[in-house]
Amino acid sequence: MDETLLDIGEVATRSGLAASALRFYERKGLIAPAARNGLRRAYRPETLDRLALITCARDAGFTLAEVGRFLAARPDDAVLRERMAAKEREVDELVSRLTRLRDSLRHAVVCDHDPIVECPEFKQAVRRVSVPE
């Protein structure tokens, strides 16, 4: 086997994904092994970059079908670009909500109101979390 190739176990370890997830992504056409070492798949090191992108896109709420389109996207794919722009807006809102949640938790950590959940500042902060900006 080519020494620059990574065995499926190494890719799983480095990517933080289970080998079964790698095989699933392969069946979906999102990644492809470069070779086999006996029955074990071997991947090019760039596969780790692709897996990082897939994981990031999945975390952002893209479906695997959307990820597949994204990986194959060309500059003239206007539909995909609009979907990415919509997802960018969704991610922005999520970041905003999470920032407000973080701020609420920061207050709770130092709050001496008894009980904390009855603190007027904490209640106000929690309300801000659930209301889109």
C-alpha atoms as a PDB file:
ATOM      1  CA  MET A   1       0.000   0.000   0.000  1.00  0.00           C
ATOM      2  CA  ASP A   2       1.148   3.540  -0.784  1.00  0.00           C
ATOM      3  CA  GLU A   3       2.666   4.995   2.396  1.00  0.00           C
ATOM      4  CA  THR A   4       0.893   8.326   1.866  1.00  0.00           C
ATOM      5  CA  LEU A   5      -2.491   6.615   2.061  1.00  0.00           C
ATOM      6  CA  LEU A   6      -4.362   6.375   5.340  1.00  0.00           C
ATOM      7  CA  ASP A   7      -6.073   3.205   6.401  1.00  0.00           C
ATOM      8  CA  ILE A   8      -9.755   3.486   7.321  1.00  0.00           C
ATOM      9  CA  GLY A   9      -8.947   3.132  11.022  1.00  0.00           C
ATOM     10  CA  GLU A  10      -6.514   6.054  10.868  1.00  0.00           C
ATOM     11  CA  VAL A  11      -9.029   8.203   8.987  1.00  0.00           C
ATOM     12  CA  ALA A  12     -11.694   7.314  11.548  1.00  0.00           C
ATOM     13  CA  THR A  13      -9.386   8.245  14.420  1.00  0.00           C
ATOM     14  CA  ARG A  14      -8.209  11.503  12.861  1.00  0.00           C
ATOM     15  CA  SER A  15     -11.663  12.599  11.734  1.00  0.00           C
ATOM     16  CA  GLY A  16     -13.453  11.564  14.910  1.00  0.00           C
ATOM     17  CA  LEU A  17     -15.939   9.583  12.839  1.00  0.00           C
ATOM     18  CA  ALA A  18     -16.716   5.905  13.132  1.00  0.00           C
ATOM     19  CA  ALA A  19     -15.483   3.621  10.366  1.00  0.00           C
ATOM     20  CA  SER A  20     -19.144   2.779   9.711  1.00  0.00           C
ATOM     21  CA  ALA A  21     -19.781   6.493   9.022  1.00  0.00           C
ATOM     22  CA  LEU A  22     -16.925   6.499   6.519  1.00  0.00           C
ATOM     23  CA  ARG A  23     -18.393   3.479   4.756  1.00  0.00           C
ATOM     24  CA  PHE A  24     -21.818   5.172   4.779  1.00  0.00           C
ATOM     25  CA  TYR A  25     -20.358   8.370   3.278  1.00  0.00           C
ATOM     26  CA  GLU A  26     -18.668   6.225   0.667  1.00  0.00           C
ATOM     27  CA  ARG A  27     -21.987   4.554  -0.256  1.00  0.00           C
ATOM     28  CA  LYS A  28     -23.502   8.045  -0.582  1.00  0.00           C
ATOM     29  CA  GLY A  29     -20.689   9.074  -2.939  1.00  0.00           C
ATOM     30  CA  LEU A  30     -19.290  11.743  -0.606  1.00  0.00           C
ATOM     31  CA  ILE A  31     -15.855  10.139  -0.241  1.00  0.00           C
ATOM     32  CA  ALA A  32     -14.000   7.431  -2.116  1.00  0.00           C
ATOM     33  CA  PRO A  33     -11.147   5.156  -1.093  1.00  0.00           C
ATOM     34  CA  ALA A  34      -7.979   5.441  -3.137  1.00  0.00           C
ATOM     35  CA  ALA A  35      -7.056   1.789  -2.676  1.00  0.00           C
ATOM     36  CA  ARG A  36      -7.571  -1.260  -0.543  1.00  0.00           C
ATOM     37  CA  ASN A  37      -5.167  -3.058   1.730  1.00  0.00           C
ATOM     38  CA  GLY A  38      -6.735  -6.488   1.723  1.00  0.00           C
ATOM     39  CA  LEU A  39     -10.318  -5.809   2.743  1.00  0.00           C
ATOM     40  CA  ARG A  40      -9.497  -2.488   4.432  1.00  0.00           C
ATOM     41  CA  ARG A  41     -10.098   0.766   2.624  1.00  0.00           C
ATOM     42  CA  ALA A  42      -7.291   3.292   2.286  1.00  0.00           C
ATOM     43  CA  TYR A  43      -7.822   6.996   1.669  1.00  0.00           C
ATOM     44  CA  ARG A  44      -5.767   9.928   0.477  1.00  0.00           C
ATOM     45  CA  PRO A  45      -4.905  12.432   3.242  1.00  0.00           C
ATOM     46  CA  GLU A  46      -7.150  15.041   1.517  1.00  0.00           C
ATOM     47  CA  THR A  47     -10.105  12.901   2.534  1.00  0.00           C
ATOM     48  CA  LEU A  48      -9.693  14.349   6.034  1.00  0.00           C
ATOM     49  CA  ASP A  49     -10.355  17.838   4.627  1.00  0.00           C
ATOM     50  CA  ARG A  50     -13.443  16.575   2.835  1.00  0.00           C
ATOM     51  CA  LEU A  51     -14.680  14.882   6.000  1.00  0.00           C
ATOM     52  CA  ALA A  52     -14.142  18.096   7.967  1.00  0.00           C
ATOM     53  CA  LEU A  53     -16.244  19.945   5.390  1.00  0.00           C
ATOM     54  CA  ILE A  54     -18.946  17.259   5.497  1.00  0.00           C
ATOM     55  CA  THR A  55     -19.037  17.375   9.302  1.00  0.00           C
ATOM     56  CA  CYS A  56     -19.189  21.169   9.324  1.00  0.00           C
ATOM     57  CA  ALA A  57     -22.000  21.204   6.762  1.00  0.00           C
ATOM     58  CA  ARG A  58     -23.940  18.537   8.678  1.00  0.00           C
ATOM     59  CA  ASP A  59     -23.502  20.544  11.897  1.00  0.00           C
ATOM     60  CA  ALA A  60     -24.919  23.563  10.062  1.00  0.00           C
ATOM     61  CA  GLY A  61     -28.013  21.546   9.182  1.00  0.00           C
ATOM     62  CA  PHE A  62     -27.303  20.547   5.595  1.00  0.00           C
ATOM     63  CA  THR A  63     -28.733  17.194   4.553  1.00  0.00           C
ATOM     64  CA  LEU A  64     -26.402  14.615   3.035  1.00  0.00           C
ATOM     65  CA  ALA A  65     -28.010  15.252  -0.346  1.00  0.00           C
ATOM     66  CA  GLU A  66     -27.223  18.961   0.029  1.00  0.00           C
ATOM     67  CA  VAL A  67     -23.678  18.130   1.114  1.00  0.00           C
ATOM     68  CA  GLY A  68     -23.292  15.989  -1.999  1.00  0.00           C
ATOM     69  CA  ARG A  69     -24.488  18.872  -4.187  1.00  0.00           C
ATOM     70  CA  PHE A  70     -22.201  21.248  -2.332  1.00  0.00           C
ATOM     71  CA  LEU A  71     -19.185  19.000  -2.913  1.00  0.00           C
ATOM     72  CA  ALA A  72     -19.982  18.871  -6.633  1.00  0.00           C
ATOM     73  CA  ALA A  73     -20.970  22.553  -6.944  1.00  0.00           C
ATOM     74  CA  ARG A  74     -19.845  24.699  -9.816  1.00  0.00           C
ATOM     75  CA  PRO A  75     -19.859  28.509  -9.853  1.00  0.00           C
ATOM     76  CA  ASP A  76     -22.988  28.644 -12.043  1.00  0.00           C
ATOM     77  CA  ASP A  77     -25.181  26.623  -9.628  1.00  0.00           C
ATOM     78  CA  ALA A  78     -27.537  29.459  -8.635  1.00  0.00           C
ATOM     79  CA  VAL A  79     -29.961  27.203  -6.749  1.00  0.00           C
ATOM     80  CA  LEU A  80     -27.220  25.866  -4.529  1.00  0.00           C
ATOM     81  CA  ARG A  81     -25.825  29.345  -3.954  1.00  0.00           C
ATOM     82  CA  GLU A  82     -29.261  30.519  -2.780  1.00  0.00           C
ATOM     83  CA  ARG A  83     -29.514  27.511  -0.464  1.00  0.00           C
ATOM     84  CA  MET A  84     -26.078  28.332   0.956  1.00  0.00           C
ATOM     85  CA  ALA A  85     -27.103  31.975   1.461  1.00  0.00           C
ATOM     86  CA  ALA A  86     -30.265  30.857   3.294  1.00  0.00           C
ATOM     87  CA  LYS A  87     -28.229  28.479   5.440  1.00  0.00           C
ATOM     88  CA  GLU A  88     -25.781  31.307   6.188  1.00  0.00           C
ATOM     89  CA  ARG A  89     -28.665  33.376   7.528  1.00  0.00           C
ATOM     90  CA  GLU A  90     -29.828  30.428   9.659  1.00  0.00           C
ATOM     91  CA  VAL A  91     -26.318  29.943  11.040  1.00  0.00           C
ATOM     92  CA  ASP A  92     -26.092  33.664  11.824  1.00  0.00           C
ATOM     93  CA  GLU A  93     -29.312  33.419  13.828  1.00  0.00           C
ATOM     94  CA  LEU A  94     -28.069  30.329  15.631  1.00  0.00           C
ATOM     95  CA  VAL A  95     -24.799  32.079  16.516  1.00  0.00           C
ATOM     96  CA  SER A  96     -26.778  35.041  17.813  1.00  0.00           C
ATOM     97  CA  ARG A  97     -29.022  32.819  19.970  1.00  0.00           C
ATOM     98  CA  LEU A  98     -26.043  30.877  21.291  1.00  0.00           C
ATOM     99  CA  THR A  99     -24.260  34.128  22.135  1.00  0.00           C
ATOM    100  CA  ARG A 100     -27.292  35.263  24.111  1.00  0.00           C
ATOM    101  CA  LEU A 101     -27.420  31.877  25.845  1.00  0.00           C
ATOM    102  CA  ARG A 102     -23.734  32.123  26.708  1.00  0.00           C
ATOM    103  CA  ASP A 103     -24.321  35.567  28.188  1.00  0.00           C
ATOM    104  CA  SER A 104     -27.219  34.212  30.271  1.00  0.00           C
ATOM    105  CA  LEU A 105     -25.040  31.422  31.586  1.00  0.00           C
ATOM    106  CA  ARG A 106     -22.243  33.855  32.401  1.00  0.00           C
ATOM    107  CA  HIS A 107     -24.687  35.820  34.524  1.00  0.00           C
ATOM    108  CA  ALA A 108     -25.951  32.652  36.230  1.00  0.00           C
ATOM    109  CA  VAL A 109     -22.400  31.667  37.172  1.00  0.00           C
ATOM    110  CA  VAL A 110     -21.875  34.836  39.234  1.00  0.00           C
ATOM    111  CA  CYS A 111     -25.469  35.526  40.291  1.00  0.00           C
ATOM    112  CA  ASP A 112     -26.186  35.370  44.017  1.00  0.00           C
ATOM    113  CA  HIS A 113     -29.964  35.557  43.710  1.00  0.00           C
ATOM    114  CA  ASP A 114     -31.706  32.724  45.520  1.00  0.00           C
ATOM    115  CA  PRO A 115     -32.848  30.807  43.504  1.00  0.00           C
ATOM    116  CA  ILE A 116     -30.879  31.793  40.432  1.00  0.00           C
ATOM    117  CA  VAL A 117     -33.772  31.067  38.066  1.00  0.00           C
ATOM    118  CA  GLU A 118     -35.832  33.740  39.838  1.00  0.00           C
ATOM    119  CA  CYS A 119     -33.217  36.437  39.296  1.00  0.00           C
ATOM    120  CA  PRO A 120     -34.806  39.240  37.228  1.00  0.00           C
ATOM    121  CA  GLU A 121     -31.615  39.718  35.187  1.00  0.00           C
ATOM    122  CA  PHE A 122     -31.370  35.998  34.501  1.00  0.00           C
ATOM    123  CA  LYS A 123     -35.036  35.814  33.475  1.00  0.00           C
ATOM    124  CA  GLN A 124     -34.578  38.760  31.135  1.00  0.00           C
ATOM    125  CA  ALA A 125     -31.457  37.175  29.654  1.00  0.00           C
ATOM    126  CA  VAL A 126     -33.283  33.873  29.107  1.00  0.00           C
ATOM    127  CA  ARG A 127     -36.158  35.683  27.366  1.00  0.00           C
ATOM    128  CA  ARG A 128     -33.617  37.283  25.023  1.00  0.00           C
ATOM    129  CA  VAL A 129     -32.332  33.816  24.123  1.00  0.00           C
ATOM    130  CA  SER A 130     -35.717  32.616  22.916  1.00  0.00           C
ATOM    131  CA  VAL A 131     -36.570  35.764  20.938  1.00  0.00           C
ATOM    132  CA  PRO A 132     -34.911  36.189  17.527  1.00  0.00           C
ATOM    133  CA  GLU A 133     -33.121  39.486  17.021  1.00  0.00           C
END
